[in-house]
Amino acid sequence: SQPRLMARMLSELDVDDTSRVLEIGTGTGYNAALLS
């Protein structure tokens, strides 16, 4: 996905250090790498 969109969505998630996240749609794996 467009990096700017990915960044804004990750901001919208509003995670903290303890958050457990499920991503629907692994795709290339890049977003999962950012989350990990």
PDB file of all heavy atoms in Angstrom:
ATOM      1  N   SER A   1       0.815  -1.214   0.000  1.00  0.00           N
ATOM      2  CA  SER A   1       0.000   0.000   0.000  1.00  0.00           C
ATOM      3  C   SER A   1       0.846   1.260   0.000  1.00  0.00           C
ATOM      4  O   SER A   1       2.044   1.239   0.309  1.00  0.00           O
ATOM      5  CB  SER A   1      -0.917   0.006   1.232  1.00  0.00           C
ATOM      6  OG  SER A   1      -1.727  -1.139   1.266  1.00  0.00           O
ATOM      7  N   GLN A   2       0.222   2.370  -0.331  1.00  0.00           N
ATOM      8  CA  GLN A   2       0.878   3.670  -0.304  1.00  0.00           C
ATOM      9  C   GLN A   2       1.445   3.917   1.095  1.00  0.00           C
ATOM     10  O   GLN A   2       0.728   3.837   2.091  1.00  0.00           O
ATOM     11  CB  GLN A   2      -0.121   4.759  -0.658  1.00  0.00           C
ATOM     12  CG  GLN A   2       0.450   6.150  -0.676  1.00  0.00           C
ATOM     13  CD  GLN A   2      -0.631   7.218  -0.783  1.00  0.00           C
ATOM     14  OE1 GLN A   2      -1.751   7.030  -0.345  1.00  0.00           O
ATOM     15  NE2 GLN A   2      -0.268   8.356  -1.356  1.00  0.00           N
ATOM     16  N   PRO A   3       2.734   4.185   1.225  1.00  0.00           N
ATOM     17  CA  PRO A   3       3.332   4.360   2.556  1.00  0.00           C
ATOM     18  C   PRO A   3       2.645   5.414   3.418  1.00  0.00           C
ATOM     19  O   PRO A   3       2.478   5.233   4.631  1.00  0.00           O
ATOM     20  CB  PRO A   3       4.774   4.757   2.234  1.00  0.00           C
ATOM     21  CG  PRO A   3       5.048   4.076   0.929  1.00  0.00           C
ATOM     22  CD  PRO A   3       3.763   4.185   0.172  1.00  0.00           C
ATOM     23  N   ARG A   4       2.225   6.521   2.814  1.00  0.00           N
ATOM     24  CA  ARG A   4       1.559   7.562   3.601  1.00  0.00           C
ATOM     25  C   ARG A   4       0.248   7.040   4.202  1.00  0.00           C
ATOM     26  O   ARG A   4      -0.073   7.344   5.349  1.00  0.00           O
ATOM     27  CB  ARG A   4       1.280   8.786   2.728  1.00  0.00           C
ATOM     28  CG  ARG A   4       0.737   9.982   3.490  1.00  0.00           C
ATOM     29  CD  ARG A   4       0.568  11.187   2.594  1.00  0.00           C
ATOM     30  NE  ARG A   4       1.803  11.552   1.899  1.00  0.00           N
ATOM     31  CZ  ARG A   4       1.978  12.704   1.258  1.00  0.00           C
ATOM     32  NH1 ARG A   4       1.004  13.599   1.216  1.00  0.00           N
ATOM     33  NH2 ARG A   4       3.114  12.956   0.644  1.00  0.00           N
ATOM     34  N   LEU A   5      -0.488   6.247   3.427  1.00  0.00           N
ATOM     35  CA  LEU A   5      -1.723   5.657   3.938  1.00  0.00           C
ATOM     36  C   LEU A   5      -1.415   4.681   5.073  1.00  0.00           C
ATOM     37  O   LEU A   5      -2.105   4.660   6.104  1.00  0.00           O
ATOM     38  CB  LEU A   5      -2.467   4.946   2.805  1.00  0.00           C
ATOM     39  CG  LEU A   5      -3.663   4.092   3.200  1.00  0.00           C
ATOM     40  CD1 LEU A   5      -4.726   4.928   3.888  1.00  0.00           C
ATOM     41  CD2 LEU A   5      -4.244   3.390   1.965  1.00  0.00           C
ATOM     42  N   MET A   6      -0.384   3.860   4.896  1.00  0.00           N
ATOM     43  CA  MET A   6      -0.009   2.904   5.937  1.00  0.00           C
ATOM     44  C   MET A   6       0.338   3.635   7.237  1.00  0.00           C
ATOM     45  O   MET A   6      -0.074   3.234   8.331  1.00  0.00           O
ATOM     46  CB  MET A   6       1.172   2.058   5.469  1.00  0.00           C
ATOM     47  CG  MET A   6       0.868   1.205   4.260  1.00  0.00           C
ATOM     48  SD  MET A   6       2.331   0.345   3.630  1.00  0.00           S
ATOM     49  CE  MET A   6       2.575  -0.866   4.906  1.00  0.00           C
ATOM     50  N   ALA A   7       1.094   4.730   7.117  1.00  0.00           N
ATOM     51  CA  ALA A   7       1.488   5.485   8.301  1.00  0.00           C
ATOM     52  C   ALA A   7       0.271   6.064   9.012  1.00  0.00           C
ATOM     53  O   ALA A   7       0.172   6.026  10.247  1.00  0.00           O
ATOM     54  CB  ALA A   7       2.455   6.603   7.905  1.00  0.00           C
ATOM     55  N   ARG A   8      -0.666   6.593   8.257  1.00  0.00           N
ATOM     56  CA  ARG A   8      -1.856   7.186   8.870  1.00  0.00           C
ATOM     57  C   ARG A   8      -2.731   6.128   9.523  1.00  0.00           C
ATOM     58  O   ARG A   8      -3.328   6.362  10.578  1.00  0.00           O
ATOM     59  CB  ARG A   8      -2.639   7.974   7.822  1.00  0.00           C
ATOM     60  CG  ARG A   8      -1.937   9.278   7.445  1.00  0.00           C
ATOM     61  CD  ARG A   8      -2.688  10.043   6.389  1.00  0.00           C
ATOM     62  NE  ARG A   8      -2.116  11.383   6.208  1.00  0.00           N
ATOM     63  CZ  ARG A   8      -2.369  12.167   5.174  1.00  0.00           C
ATOM     64  NH1 ARG A   8      -3.183  11.750   4.216  1.00  0.00           N
ATOM     65  NH2 ARG A   8      -1.819  13.362   5.078  1.00  0.00           N
ATOM     66  N   MET A   9      -2.823   4.958   8.900  1.00  0.00           N
ATOM     67  CA  MET A   9      -3.613   3.888   9.505  1.00  0.00           C
ATOM     68  C   MET A   9      -2.966   3.385  10.795  1.00  0.00           C
ATOM     69  O   MET A   9      -3.664   3.113  11.780  1.00  0.00           O
ATOM     70  CB  MET A   9      -3.790   2.747   8.501  1.00  0.00           C
ATOM     71  CG  MET A   9      -4.731   3.085   7.364  1.00  0.00           C
ATOM     72  SD  MET A   9      -4.974   1.714   6.206  1.00  0.00           S
ATOM     73  CE  MET A   9      -5.790   0.503   7.252  1.00  0.00           C
ATOM     74  N   LEU A  10      -1.660   3.271  10.796  1.00  0.00           N
ATOM     75  CA  LEU A  10      -0.983   2.837  12.020  1.00  0.00           C
ATOM     76  C   LEU A  10      -1.179   3.859  13.133  1.00  0.00           C
ATOM     77  O   LEU A  10      -1.330   3.502  14.305  1.00  0.00           O
ATOM     78  CB  LEU A  10       0.503   2.610  11.742  1.00  0.00           C
ATOM     79  CG  LEU A  10       0.811   1.399  10.854  1.00  0.00           C
ATOM     80  CD1 LEU A  10       2.279   1.403  10.427  1.00  0.00           C
ATOM     81  CD2 LEU A  10       0.465   0.092  11.567  1.00  0.00           C
ATOM     82  N   SER A  11      -1.219   5.121  12.770  1.00  0.00           N
ATOM     83  CA  SER A  11      -1.509   6.154  13.764  1.00  0.00           C
ATOM     84  C   SER A  11      -2.935   6.029  14.283  1.00  0.00           C
ATOM     85  O   SER A  11      -3.193   6.157  15.484  1.00  0.00           O
ATOM     86  CB  SER A  11      -1.291   7.538  13.147  1.00  0.00           C
ATOM     87  OG  SER A  11      -1.629   8.560  14.055  1.00  0.00           O
ATOM     88  N   GLU A  12      -3.888   5.748  13.371  1.00  0.00           N
ATOM     89  CA  GLU A  12      -5.298   5.573  13.766  1.00  0.00           C
ATOM     90  C   GLU A  12      -5.474   4.386  14.714  1.00  0.00           C
ATOM     91  O   GLU A  12      -6.370   4.386  15.554  1.00  0.00           O
ATOM     92  CB  GLU A  12      -6.170   5.368  12.531  1.00  0.00           C
ATOM     93  CG  GLU A  12      -6.400   6.604  11.696  1.00  0.00           C
ATOM     94  CD  GLU A  12      -7.595   7.419  12.166  1.00  0.00           C
ATOM     95  OE1 GLU A  12      -8.187   7.050  13.200  1.00  0.00           O
ATOM     96  OE2 GLU A  12      -7.919   8.407  11.513  1.00  0.00           O
ATOM     97  N   LEU A  13      -4.618   3.378  14.587  1.00  0.00           N
ATOM     98  CA  LEU A  13      -4.728   2.212  15.478  1.00  0.00           C
ATOM     99  C   LEU A  13      -4.463   2.587  16.925  1.00  0.00           C
ATOM    100  O   LEU A  13      -5.013   1.973  17.843  1.00  0.00           O
ATOM    101  CB  LEU A  13      -3.735   1.129  15.053  1.00  0.00           C
ATOM    102  CG  LEU A  13      -4.153   0.114  14.014  1.00  0.00           C
ATOM    103  CD1 LEU A  13      -3.076  -0.944  13.864  1.00  0.00           C
ATOM    104  CD2 LEU A  13      -5.482  -0.529  14.352  1.00  0.00           C
ATOM    105  N   ASP A  14      -3.593   3.579  17.139  1.00  0.00           N
ATOM    106  CA  ASP A  14      -3.299   4.082  18.483  1.00  0.00           C
ATOM    107  C   ASP A  14      -2.862   2.941  19.412  1.00  0.00           C
ATOM    108  O   ASP A  14      -3.420   2.736  20.488  1.00  0.00           O
ATOM    109  CB  ASP A  14      -4.534   4.798  19.054  1.00  0.00           C
ATOM    110  CG  ASP A  14      -4.212   5.581  20.322  1.00  0.00           C
ATOM    111  OD1 ASP A  14      -3.043   5.985  20.493  1.00  0.00           O
ATOM    112  OD2 ASP A  14      -5.124   5.762  21.150  1.00  0.00           O
ATOM    113  N   VAL A  15      -1.828   2.207  18.992  1.00  0.00           N
ATOM    114  CA  VAL A  15      -1.343   1.090  19.802  1.00  0.00           C
ATOM    115  C   VAL A  15      -0.504   1.605  20.966  1.00  0.00           C
ATOM    116  O   VAL A  15       0.014   2.729  20.936  1.00  0.00           O
ATOM    117  CB  VAL A  15      -0.486   0.112  18.965  1.00  0.00           C
ATOM    118  CG1 VAL A  15      -1.318  -0.502  17.845  1.00  0.00           C
ATOM    119  CG2 VAL A  15       0.752   0.819  18.396  1.00  0.00           C
ATOM    120  N   ASP A  16      -0.389   0.770  22.013  1.00  0.00           N
ATOM    121  CA  ASP A  16       0.616   1.011  23.045  1.00  0.00           C
ATOM    122  C   ASP A  16       1.510  -0.220  23.122  1.00  0.00           C
ATOM    123  O   ASP A  16       1.349  -1.167  22.352  1.00  0.00           O
ATOM    124  CB  ASP A  16      -0.018   1.352  24.400  1.00  0.00           C
ATOM    125  CG  ASP A  16      -0.916   0.229  24.935  1.00  0.00           C
ATOM    126  OD1 ASP A  16      -0.600  -0.961  24.710  1.00  0.00           O
ATOM    127  OD2 ASP A  16      -1.929   0.530  25.595  1.00  0.00           O
ATOM    128  N   ASP A  17       2.448  -0.218  24.026  1.00  0.00           N
ATOM    129  CA  ASP A  17       3.457  -1.282  24.044  1.00  0.00           C
ATOM    130  C   ASP A  17       2.871  -2.658  24.313  1.00  0.00           C
ATOM    131  O   ASP A  17       3.502  -3.675  24.004  1.00  0.00           O
ATOM    132  CB  ASP A  17       4.525  -0.973  25.103  1.00  0.00           C
ATOM    133  CG  ASP A  17       5.390   0.218  24.721  1.00  0.00           C
ATOM    134  OD1 ASP A  17       5.319   0.632  23.545  1.00  0.00           O
ATOM    135  OD2 ASP A  17       6.116   0.738  25.588  1.00  0.00           O
ATOM    136  N   THR A  18       1.673  -2.726  24.895  1.00  0.00           N
ATOM    137  CA  THR A  18       1.081  -4.019  25.249  1.00  0.00           C
ATOM    138  C   THR A  18       0.048  -4.503  24.237  1.00  0.00           C
ATOM    139  O   THR A  18      -0.519  -5.588  24.406  1.00  0.00           O
ATOM    140  CB  THR A  18       0.418  -3.936  26.633  1.00  0.00           C
ATOM    141  OG1 THR A  18      -0.695  -3.018  26.580  1.00  0.00           O
ATOM    142  CG2 THR A  18       1.416  -3.466  27.687  1.00  0.00           C
ATOM    143  N   SER A  19      -0.225  -3.733  23.198  1.00  0.00           N
ATOM    144  CA  SER A  19      -1.302  -4.067  22.263  1.00  0.00           C
ATOM    145  C   SER A  19      -1.023  -5.363  21.508  1.00  0.00           C
ATOM    146  O   SER A  19       0.086  -5.585  21.016  1.00  0.00           O
ATOM    147  CB  SER A  19      -1.495  -2.931  21.250  1.00  0.00           C
ATOM    148  OG  SER A  19      -1.879  -1.739  21.877  1.00  0.00           O
ATOM    149  N   ARG A  20      -2.061  -6.199  21.417  1.00  0.00           N
ATOM    150  CA  ARG A  20      -2.017  -7.399  20.585  1.00  0.00           C
ATOM    151  C   ARG A  20      -2.839  -7.115  19.334  1.00  0.00           C
ATOM    152  O   ARG A  20      -4.011  -6.763  19.414  1.00  0.00           O
ATOM    153  CB  ARG A  20      -2.572  -8.612  21.337  1.00  0.00           C
ATOM    154  CG  ARG A  20      -1.805  -8.930  22.612  1.00  0.00           C
ATOM    155  CD  ARG A  20      -2.284 -10.225  23.261  1.00  0.00           C
ATOM    156  NE  ARG A  20      -1.853 -11.404  22.495  1.00  0.00           N
ATOM    157  CZ  ARG A  20      -2.672 -12.204  21.817  1.00  0.00           C
ATOM    158  NH1 ARG A  20      -3.965 -11.955  21.791  1.00  0.00           N
ATOM    159  NH2 ARG A  20      -2.207 -13.252  21.175  1.00  0.00           N
ATOM    160  N   VAL A  21      -2.191  -7.254  18.167  1.00  0.00           N
ATOM    161  CA  VAL A  21      -2.777  -6.790  16.910  1.00  0.00           C
ATOM    162  C   VAL A  21      -2.978  -7.952  15.953  1.00  0.00           C
ATOM    163  O   VAL A  21      -2.107  -8.821  15.805  1.00  0.00           O
ATOM    164  CB  VAL A  21      -1.875  -5.725  16.253  1.00  0.00           C
ATOM    165  CG1 VAL A  21      -2.454  -5.290  14.906  1.00  0.00           C
ATOM    166  CG2 VAL A  21      -1.715  -4.512  17.174  1.00  0.00           C
ATOM    167  N   LEU A  22      -4.138  -7.953  15.291  1.00  0.00           N
ATOM    168  CA  LEU A  22      -4.419  -8.878  14.194  1.00  0.00           C
ATOM    169  C   LEU A  22      -4.518  -8.064  12.915  1.00  0.00           C
ATOM    170  O   LEU A  22      -5.319  -7.138  12.816  1.00  0.00           O
ATOM    171  CB  LEU A  22      -5.734  -9.631  14.429  1.00  0.00           C
ATOM    172  CG  LEU A  22      -6.271 -10.442  13.235  1.00  0.00           C
ATOM    173  CD1 LEU A  22      -5.291 -11.526  12.816  1.00  0.00           C
ATOM    174  CD2 LEU A  22      -7.637 -11.045  13.568  1.00  0.00           C
ATOM    175  N   GLU A  23      -3.697  -8.423  11.935  1.00  0.00           N
ATOM    176  CA  GLU A  23      -3.758  -7.814  10.615  1.00  0.00           C
ATOM    177  C   GLU A  23      -4.481  -8.760   9.662  1.00  0.00           C
ATOM    178  O   GLU A  23      -4.114  -9.934   9.549  1.00  0.00           O
ATOM    179  CB  GLU A  23      -2.350  -7.529  10.094  1.00  0.00           C
ATOM    180  CG  GLU A  23      -2.355  -6.943   8.681  1.00  0.00           C
ATOM    181  CD  GLU A  23      -0.999  -7.032   8.004  1.00  0.00           C
ATOM    182  OE1 GLU A  23      -0.253  -8.013   8.246  1.00  0.00           O
ATOM    183  OE2 GLU A  23      -0.693  -6.132   7.208  1.00  0.00           O
ATOM    184  N   ILE A  24      -5.492  -8.257   8.976  1.00  0.00           N
ATOM    185  CA  ILE A  24      -6.235  -9.042   7.990  1.00  0.00           C
ATOM    186  C   ILE A  24      -5.702  -8.675   6.610  1.00  0.00           C
ATOM    187  O   ILE A  24      -5.908  -7.562   6.124  1.00  0.00           O
ATOM    188  CB  ILE A  24      -7.746  -8.746   8.066  1.00  0.00           C
ATOM    189  CG1 ILE A  24      -8.275  -8.863   9.506  1.00  0.00           C
ATOM    190  CG2 ILE A  24      -8.503  -9.658   7.122  1.00  0.00           C
ATOM    191  CD1 ILE A  24      -8.241 -10.247  10.071  1.00  0.00           C
ATOM    192  N   GLY A  25      -4.991  -9.593   5.984  1.00  0.00           N
ATOM    193  CA  GLY A  25      -4.410  -9.337   4.666  1.00  0.00           C
ATOM    194  C   GLY A  25      -2.908  -9.175   4.753  1.00  0.00           C
ATOM    195  O   GLY A  25      -2.379  -8.066   4.715  1.00  0.00           O
ATOM    196  N   THR A  26      -2.177 -10.276   4.830  1.00  0.00           N
ATOM    197  CA  THR A  26      -0.724 -10.229   4.986  1.00  0.00           C
ATOM    198  C   THR A  26      -0.053  -9.575   3.789  1.00  0.00           C
ATOM    199  O   THR A  26       0.872  -8.760   3.936  1.00  0.00           O
ATOM    200  CB  THR A  26      -0.151 -11.651   5.161  1.00  0.00           C
ATOM    201  OG1 THR A  26      -0.841 -12.300   6.229  1.00  0.00           O
ATOM    202  CG2 THR A  26       1.339 -11.607   5.440  1.00  0.00           C
ATOM    203  N   GLY A  27      -0.504  -9.938   2.576  1.00  0.00           N
ATOM    204  CA  GLY A  27       0.074  -9.357   1.370  1.00  0.00           C
ATOM    205  C   GLY A  27       1.571  -9.592   1.286  1.00  0.00           C
ATOM    206  O   GLY A  27       2.058 -10.712   1.422  1.00  0.00           O
ATOM    207  N   THR A  28       2.326  -8.526   1.104  1.00  0.00           N
ATOM    208  CA  THR A  28       3.781  -8.654   0.978  1.00  0.00           C
ATOM    209  C   THR A  28       4.465  -8.915   2.312  1.00  0.00           C
ATOM    210  O   THR A  28       5.602  -9.380   2.348  1.00  0.00           O
ATOM    211  CB  THR A  28       4.386  -7.364   0.394  1.00  0.00           C
ATOM    212  OG1 THR A  28       4.221  -6.287   1.331  1.00  0.00           O
ATOM    213  CG2 THR A  28       3.727  -6.994  -0.930  1.00  0.00           C
ATOM    214  N   GLY A  29       3.799  -8.577   3.422  1.00  0.00           N
ATOM    215  CA  GLY A  29       4.403  -8.723   4.746  1.00  0.00           C
ATOM    216  C   GLY A  29       4.994  -7.443   5.303  1.00  0.00           C
ATOM    217  O   GLY A  29       5.417  -7.394   6.463  1.00  0.00           O
ATOM    218  N   TYR A  30       5.018  -6.378   4.504  1.00  0.00           N
ATOM    219  CA  TYR A  30       5.662  -5.130   4.940  1.00  0.00           C
ATOM    220  C   TYR A  30       4.951  -4.510   6.144  1.00  0.00           C
ATOM    221  O   TYR A  30       5.591  -4.085   7.114  1.00  0.00           O
ATOM    222  CB  TYR A  30       5.706  -4.161   3.768  1.00  0.00           C
ATOM    223  CG  TYR A  30       6.297  -2.801   4.080  1.00  0.00           C
ATOM    224  CD1 TYR A  30       7.529  -2.663   4.718  1.00  0.00           C
ATOM    225  CD2 TYR A  30       5.621  -1.635   3.717  1.00  0.00           C
ATOM    226  CE1 TYR A  30       8.069  -1.405   4.988  1.00  0.00           C
ATOM    227  CE2 TYR A  30       6.156  -0.381   3.973  1.00  0.00           C
ATOM    228  CZ  TYR A  30       7.366  -0.269   4.618  1.00  0.00           C
ATOM    229  OH  TYR A  30       7.887   0.976   4.884  1.00  0.00           O
ATOM    230  N   ASN A  31       3.628  -4.466   6.118  1.00  0.00           N
ATOM    231  CA  ASN A  31       2.892  -3.879   7.244  1.00  0.00           C
ATOM    232  C   ASN A  31       3.080  -4.705   8.510  1.00  0.00           C
ATOM    233  O   ASN A  31       3.218  -4.157   9.611  1.00  0.00           O
ATOM    234  CB  ASN A  31       1.414  -3.752   6.900  1.00  0.00           C
ATOM    235  CG  ASN A  31       0.679  -2.800   7.829  1.00  0.00           C
ATOM    236  OD1 ASN A  31       1.034  -1.633   7.948  1.00  0.00           O
ATOM    237  ND2 ASN A  31      -0.340  -3.304   8.502  1.00  0.00           N
ATOM    238  N   ALA A  32       3.105  -6.027   8.365  1.00  0.00           N
ATOM    239  CA  ALA A  32       3.358  -6.891   9.528  1.00  0.00           C
ATOM    240  C   ALA A  32       4.748  -6.634  10.091  1.00  0.00           C
ATOM    241  O   ALA A  32       4.964  -6.707  11.312  1.00  0.00           O
ATOM    242  CB  ALA A  32       3.202  -8.361   9.137  1.00  0.00           C
ATOM    243  N   ALA A  33       5.708  -6.314   9.211  1.00  0.00           N
ATOM    244  CA  ALA A  33       7.061  -6.005   9.677  1.00  0.00           C
ATOM    245  C   ALA A  33       7.071  -4.717  10.501  1.00  0.00           C
ATOM    246  O   ALA A  33       7.713  -4.646  11.553  1.00  0.00           O
ATOM    247  CB  ALA A  33       8.004  -5.872   8.482  1.00  0.00           C
ATOM    248  N   LEU A  34       6.351  -3.704  10.027  1.00  0.00           N
ATOM    249  CA  LEU A  34       6.280  -2.449  10.771  1.00  0.00           C
ATOM    250  C   LEU A  34       5.656  -2.667  12.148  1.00  0.00           C
ATOM    251  O   LEU A  34       6.160  -2.168  13.165  1.00  0.00           O
ATOM    252  CB  LEU A  34       5.464  -1.424   9.977  1.00  0.00           C
ATOM    253  CG  LEU A  34       6.042  -0.987   8.627  1.00  0.00           C
ATOM    254  CD1 LEU A  34       5.003  -0.181   7.848  1.00  0.00           C
ATOM    255  CD2 LEU A  34       7.312  -0.167   8.804  1.00  0.00           C
ATOM    256  N   LEU A  35       4.562  -3.413  12.185  1.00  0.00           N
ATOM    257  CA  LEU A  35       3.898  -3.698  13.461  1.00  0.00           C
ATOM    258  C   LEU A  35       4.805  -4.501  14.391  1.00  0.00           C
ATOM    259  O   LEU A  35       4.876  -4.234  15.599  1.00  0.00           O
ATOM    260  CB  LEU A  35       2.587  -4.448  13.217  1.00  0.00           C
ATOM    261  CG  LEU A  35       1.421  -3.618  12.686  1.00  0.00           C
ATOM    262  CD1 LEU A  35       0.331  -4.527  12.123  1.00  0.00           C
ATOM    263  CD2 LEU A  35       0.850  -2.731  13.793  1.00  0.00           C
ATOM    264  N   SER A  36       5.496  -5.502  13.839  1.00  0.00           N
ATOM    265  CA  SER A  36       6.374  -6.343  14.655  1.00  0.00           C
ATOM    266  C   SER A  36       7.547  -5.553  15.220  1.00  0.00           C
ATOM    267  O   SER A  36       7.960  -5.760  16.365  1.00  0.00           O
ATOM    268  CB  SER A  36       6.881  -7.530  13.831  1.00  0.00           C
ATOM    269  OG  SER A  36       5.816  -8.354  13.396  1.00  0.00           O
TER     270      SER A  36
END
